Amino acid sequence: MFKSLNRIRAAFAQASKRRRTTRELNELPPEVQKDIGWPGGAEPDEIRLPF
């Protein structure tokens, strides 16, 4: 049971980090976004959680 809870906690932490990174990249000027190839492609907005 604790193993499952740890996986869920880790999934939520990863999703939070991904949202934060996406938000920071979206705040960059359009020229910089273009230079780094952001957005690179159509990725899903949310990750699949293990439950």
PDB file of N, CA and C in Angstrom:
ATOM      1  N   MET A   1       0.831  -1.191   0.000  1.00  0.00           N
ATOM      2  CA  MET A   1       0.000   0.000   0.000  1.00  0.00           C
ATOM      3  C   MET A   1       0.879   1.260   0.000  1.00  0.00           C
ATOM      4  N   PHE A   2       1.943   1.270   0.807  1.00  0.00           N
ATOM      5  CA  PHE A   2       2.796   2.451   0.866  1.00  0.00           C
ATOM      6  C   PHE A   2       3.528   2.677  -0.449  1.00  0.00           C
ATOM      7  N   LYS A   3       3.832   1.596  -1.141  1.00  0.00           N
ATOM      8  CA  LYS A   3       4.500   1.704  -2.434  1.00  0.00           C
ATOM      9  C   LYS A   3       3.597   2.454  -3.426  1.00  0.00           C
ATOM     10  N   SER A   4       2.313   2.123  -3.416  1.00  0.00           N
ATOM     11  CA  SER A   4       1.355   2.793  -4.302  1.00  0.00           C
ATOM     12  C   SER A   4       1.224   4.273  -3.944  1.00  0.00           C
ATOM     13  N   LEU A   5       1.172   4.557  -2.651  1.00  0.00           N
ATOM     14  CA  LEU A   5       1.056   5.952  -2.218  1.00  0.00           C
ATOM     15  C   LEU A   5       2.293   6.755  -2.627  1.00  0.00           C
ATOM     16  N   ASN A   6       3.461   6.139  -2.527  1.00  0.00           N
ATOM     17  CA  ASN A   6       4.687   6.829  -2.942  1.00  0.00           C
ATOM     18  C   ASN A   6       4.687   7.094  -4.441  1.00  0.00           C
ATOM     19  N   ARG A   7       4.177   6.153  -5.238  1.00  0.00           N
ATOM     20  CA  ARG A   7       4.103   6.368  -6.688  1.00  0.00           C
ATOM     21  C   ARG A   7       3.135   7.503  -7.012  1.00  0.00           C
ATOM     22  N   ILE A   8       2.026   7.560  -6.304  1.00  0.00           N
ATOM     23  CA  ILE A   8       1.050   8.634  -6.526  1.00  0.00           C
ATOM     24  C   ILE A   8       1.658   9.982  -6.153  1.00  0.00           C
ATOM     25  N   ARG A   9       2.337  10.025  -5.016  1.00  0.00           N
ATOM     26  CA  ARG A   9       2.984  11.265  -4.584  1.00  0.00           C
ATOM     27  C   ARG A   9       4.026  11.711  -5.602  1.00  0.00           C
ATOM     28  N   ALA A  10       4.800  10.777  -6.103  1.00  0.00           N
ATOM     29  CA  ALA A  10       5.831  11.101  -7.090  1.00  0.00           C
ATOM     30  C   ALA A  10       5.199  11.599  -8.392  1.00  0.00           C
ATOM     31  N   ALA A  11       4.088  11.004  -8.784  1.00  0.00           N
ATOM     32  CA  ALA A  11       3.401  11.436 -10.006  1.00  0.00           C
ATOM     33  C   ALA A  11       2.874  12.859  -9.854  1.00  0.00           C
ATOM     34  N   PHE A  12       2.319  13.179  -8.694  1.00  0.00           N
ATOM     35  CA  PHE A  12       1.831  14.533  -8.467  1.00  0.00           C
ATOM     36  C   PHE A  12       2.987  15.533  -8.446  1.00  0.00           C
ATOM     37  N   ALA A  13       4.101  15.158  -7.848  1.00  0.00           N
ATOM     38  CA  ALA A  13       5.270  16.040  -7.820  1.00  0.00           C
ATOM     39  C   ALA A  13       5.790  16.285  -9.228  1.00  0.00           C
ATOM     40  N   GLN A  14       5.840  15.246 -10.043  1.00  0.00           N
ATOM     41  CA  GLN A  14       6.305  15.393 -11.425  1.00  0.00           C
ATOM     42  C   GLN A  14       5.352  16.278 -12.227  1.00  0.00           C
ATOM     43  N   ALA A  15       4.055  16.096 -12.031  1.00  0.00           N
ATOM     44  CA  ALA A  15       3.078  16.919 -12.745  1.00  0.00           C
ATOM     45  C   ALA A  15       3.212  18.383 -12.341  1.00  0.00           C
ATOM     46  N   SER A  16       3.436  18.640 -11.062  1.00  0.00           N
ATOM     47  CA  SER A  16       3.604  20.005 -10.575  1.00  0.00           C
ATOM     48  C   SER A  16       4.840  20.649 -11.188  1.00  0.00           C
ATOM     49  N   LYS A  17       5.931  19.900 -11.228  1.00  0.00           N
ATOM     50  CA  LYS A  17       7.168  20.416 -11.812  1.00  0.00           C
ATOM     51  C   LYS A  17       6.983  20.698 -13.304  1.00  0.00           C
ATOM     52  N   ARG A  18       6.284  19.813 -13.999  1.00  0.00           N
ATOM     53  CA  ARG A  18       6.044  20.010 -15.431  1.00  0.00           C
ATOM     54  C   ARG A  18       5.195  21.258 -15.686  1.00  0.00           C
ATOM     55  N   ARG A  19       4.161  21.463 -14.868  1.00  0.00           N
ATOM     56  CA  ARG A  19       3.319  22.663 -15.032  1.00  0.00           C
ATOM     57  C   ARG A  19       4.122  23.930 -14.781  1.00  0.00           C
ATOM     58  N   ARG A  20       4.973  23.911 -13.759  1.00  0.00           N
ATOM     59  CA  ARG A  20       5.804  25.073 -13.442  1.00  0.00           C
ATOM     60  C   ARG A  20       6.765  25.393 -14.592  1.00  0.00           C
ATOM     61  N   THR A  21       7.401  24.365 -15.131  1.00  0.00           N
ATOM     62  CA  THR A  21       8.335  24.551 -16.238  1.00  0.00           C
ATOM     63  C   THR A  21       7.611  25.077 -17.471  1.00  0.00           C
ATOM     64  N   THR A  22       6.452  24.520 -17.772  1.00  0.00           N
ATOM     65  CA  THR A  22       5.666  24.972 -18.918  1.00  0.00           C
ATOM     66  C   THR A  22       5.270  26.428 -18.755  1.00  0.00           C
ATOM     67  N   ARG A  23       4.856  26.799 -17.558  1.00  0.00           N
ATOM     68  CA  ARG A  23       4.464  28.185 -17.293  1.00  0.00           C
ATOM     69  C   ARG A  23       5.652  29.124 -17.500  1.00  0.00           C
ATOM     70  N   GLU A  24       6.833  28.726 -17.014  1.00  0.00           N
ATOM     71  CA  GLU A  24       8.024  29.562 -17.176  1.00  0.00           C
ATOM     72  C   GLU A  24       8.417  29.699 -18.648  1.00  0.00           C
ATOM     73  N   LEU A  25       8.322  28.617 -19.406  1.00  0.00           N
ATOM     74  CA  LEU A  25       8.648  28.683 -20.832  1.00  0.00           C
ATOM     75  C   LEU A  25       7.644  29.548 -21.591  1.00  0.00           C
ATOM     76  N   ASN A  26       6.383  29.480 -21.208  1.00  0.00           N
ATOM     77  CA  ASN A  26       5.366  30.292 -21.870  1.00  0.00           C
ATOM     78  C   ASN A  26       5.535  31.779 -21.585  1.00  0.00           C
ATOM     79  N   GLU A  27       6.218  32.114 -20.493  1.00  0.00           N
ATOM     80  CA  GLU A  27       6.433  33.518 -20.147  1.00  0.00           C
ATOM     81  C   GLU A  27       7.611  34.137 -20.893  1.00  0.00           C
ATOM     82  N   LEU A  28       8.415  33.305 -21.581  1.00  0.00           N
ATOM     83  CA  LEU A  28       9.543  33.829 -22.347  1.00  0.00           C
ATOM     84  C   LEU A  28       9.041  34.618 -23.553  1.00  0.00           C
ATOM     85  N   PRO A  29       9.834  35.576 -24.035  1.00  0.00           N
ATOM     86  CA  PRO A  29       9.440  36.312 -25.238  1.00  0.00           C
ATOM     87  C   PRO A  29       9.299  35.364 -26.438  1.00  0.00           C
ATOM     88  N   PRO A  30       8.426  35.692 -27.372  1.00  0.00           N
ATOM     89  CA  PRO A  30       8.197  34.816 -28.536  1.00  0.00           C
ATOM     90  C   PRO A  30       9.473  34.509 -29.322  1.00  0.00           C
ATOM     91  N   GLU A  31      10.386  35.471 -29.394  1.00  0.00           N
ATOM     92  CA  GLU A  31      11.625  35.245 -30.148  1.00  0.00           C
ATOM     93  C   GLU A  31      12.457  34.138 -29.499  1.00  0.00           C
ATOM     94  N   VAL A  32      12.530  34.162 -28.173  1.00  0.00           N
ATOM     95  CA  VAL A  32      13.297  33.150 -27.450  1.00  0.00           C
ATOM     96  C   VAL A  32      12.607  31.790 -27.566  1.00  0.00           C
ATOM     97  N   GLN A  33      11.281  31.779 -27.471  1.00  0.00           N
ATOM     98  CA  GLN A  33      10.544  30.527 -27.622  1.00  0.00           C
ATOM     99  C   GLN A  33      10.825  29.905 -28.986  1.00  0.00           C
ATOM    100  N   LYS A  34      10.853  30.729 -30.005  1.00  0.00           N
ATOM    101  CA  LYS A  34      11.127  30.237 -31.357  1.00  0.00           C
ATOM    102  C   LYS A  34      12.548  29.677 -31.438  1.00  0.00           C
ATOM    103  N   ASP A  35      13.515  30.363 -30.825  1.00  0.00           N
ATOM    104  CA  ASP A  35      14.914  29.923 -30.864  1.00  0.00           C
ATOM    105  C   ASP A  35      15.111  28.559 -30.211  1.00  0.00           C
ATOM    106  N   ILE A  36      14.389  28.306 -29.126  1.00  0.00           N
ATOM    107  CA  ILE A  36      14.573  27.035 -28.423  1.00  0.00           C
ATOM    108  C   ILE A  36      13.587  25.968 -28.906  1.00  0.00           C
ATOM    109  N   GLY A  37      12.715  26.336 -29.846  1.00  0.00           N
ATOM    110  CA  GLY A  37      11.773  25.361 -30.387  1.00  0.00           C
ATOM    111  C   GLY A  37      10.590  25.085 -29.495  1.00  0.00           C
ATOM    112  N   TRP A  38      10.157  26.097 -28.771  1.00  0.00           N
ATOM    113  CA  TRP A  38       9.006  25.936 -27.875  1.00  0.00           C
ATOM    114  C   TRP A  38       7.794  26.562 -28.507  1.00  0.00           C
ATOM    115  N   PRO A  39       6.675  25.986 -28.560  1.00  0.00           N
ATOM    116  CA  PRO A  39       6.376  24.608 -28.189  1.00  0.00           C
ATOM    117  C   PRO A  39       6.845  23.666 -29.288  1.00  0.00           C
ATOM    118  N   GLY A  40       7.449  22.594 -28.882  1.00  0.00           N
ATOM    119  CA  GLY A  40       8.051  21.653 -29.813  1.00  0.00           C
ATOM    120  C   GLY A  40       7.049  20.756 -30.513  1.00  0.00           C
ATOM    121  N   GLY A  41       5.944  20.508 -29.917  1.00  0.00           N
ATOM    122  CA  GLY A  41       4.952  19.632 -30.518  1.00  0.00           C
ATOM    123  C   GLY A  41       3.747  19.534 -29.616  1.00  0.00           C
ATOM    124  N   ALA A  42       2.811  18.772 -30.066  1.00  0.00           N
ATOM    125  CA  ALA A  42       1.578  18.611 -29.289  1.00  0.00           C
ATOM    126  C   ALA A  42       1.782  17.532 -28.231  1.00  0.00           C
ATOM    127  N   GLU A  43       2.024  17.958 -27.007  1.00  0.00           N
ATOM    128  CA  GLU A  43       2.149  17.030 -25.893  1.00  0.00           C
ATOM    129  C   GLU A  43       0.887  17.139 -25.050  1.00  0.00           C
ATOM    130  N   PRO A  44       0.510  16.055 -24.419  1.00  0.00           N
ATOM    131  CA  PRO A  44      -0.679  16.137 -23.569  1.00  0.00           C
ATOM    132  C   PRO A  44      -0.447  17.097 -22.405  1.00  0.00           C
ATOM    133  N   ASP A  45      -1.512  17.763 -21.981  1.00  0.00           N
ATOM    134  CA  ASP A  45      -1.418  18.729 -20.893  1.00  0.00           C
ATOM    135  C   ASP A  45      -1.162  18.068 -19.544  1.00  0.00           C
ATOM    136  N   GLU A  46      -1.684  16.884 -19.377  1.00  0.00           N
ATOM    137  CA  GLU A  46      -1.562  16.196 -18.098  1.00  0.00           C
ATOM    138  C   GLU A  46      -0.855  14.870 -18.295  1.00  0.00           C
ATOM    139  N   ILE A  47      -0.177  14.424 -17.261  1.00  0.00           N
ATOM    140  CA  ILE A  47       0.439  13.110 -17.327  1.00  0.00           C
ATOM    141  C   ILE A  47      -0.556  12.078 -16.860  1.00  0.00           C
ATOM    142  N   ARG A  48      -0.295  10.846 -17.186  1.00  0.00           N
ATOM    143  CA  ARG A  48      -1.154   9.771 -16.706  1.00  0.00           C
ATOM    144  C   ARG A  48      -0.736   9.402 -15.285  1.00  0.00           C
ATOM    145  N   LEU A  49      -1.678   9.456 -14.402  1.00  0.00           N
ATOM    146  CA  LEU A  49      -1.399   9.132 -13.004  1.00  0.00           C
ATOM    147  C   LEU A  49      -1.654   7.638 -12.792  1.00  0.00           C
ATOM    148  N   PRO A  50      -0.883   7.019 -11.915  1.00  0.00           N
ATOM    149  CA  PRO A  50      -0.986   5.569 -11.732  1.00  0.00           C
ATOM    150  C   PRO A  50      -2.148   5.126 -10.861  1.00  0.00           C
ATOM    151  N   PHE A  51      -3.296   5.729 -11.019  1.00  0.00           N
ATOM    152  CA  PHE A  51      -4.474   5.290 -10.262  1.00  0.00           C
ATOM    153  C   PHE A  51      -5.720   5.590 -11.022  1.00  0.00           C
TER     154      PHE A  51
END
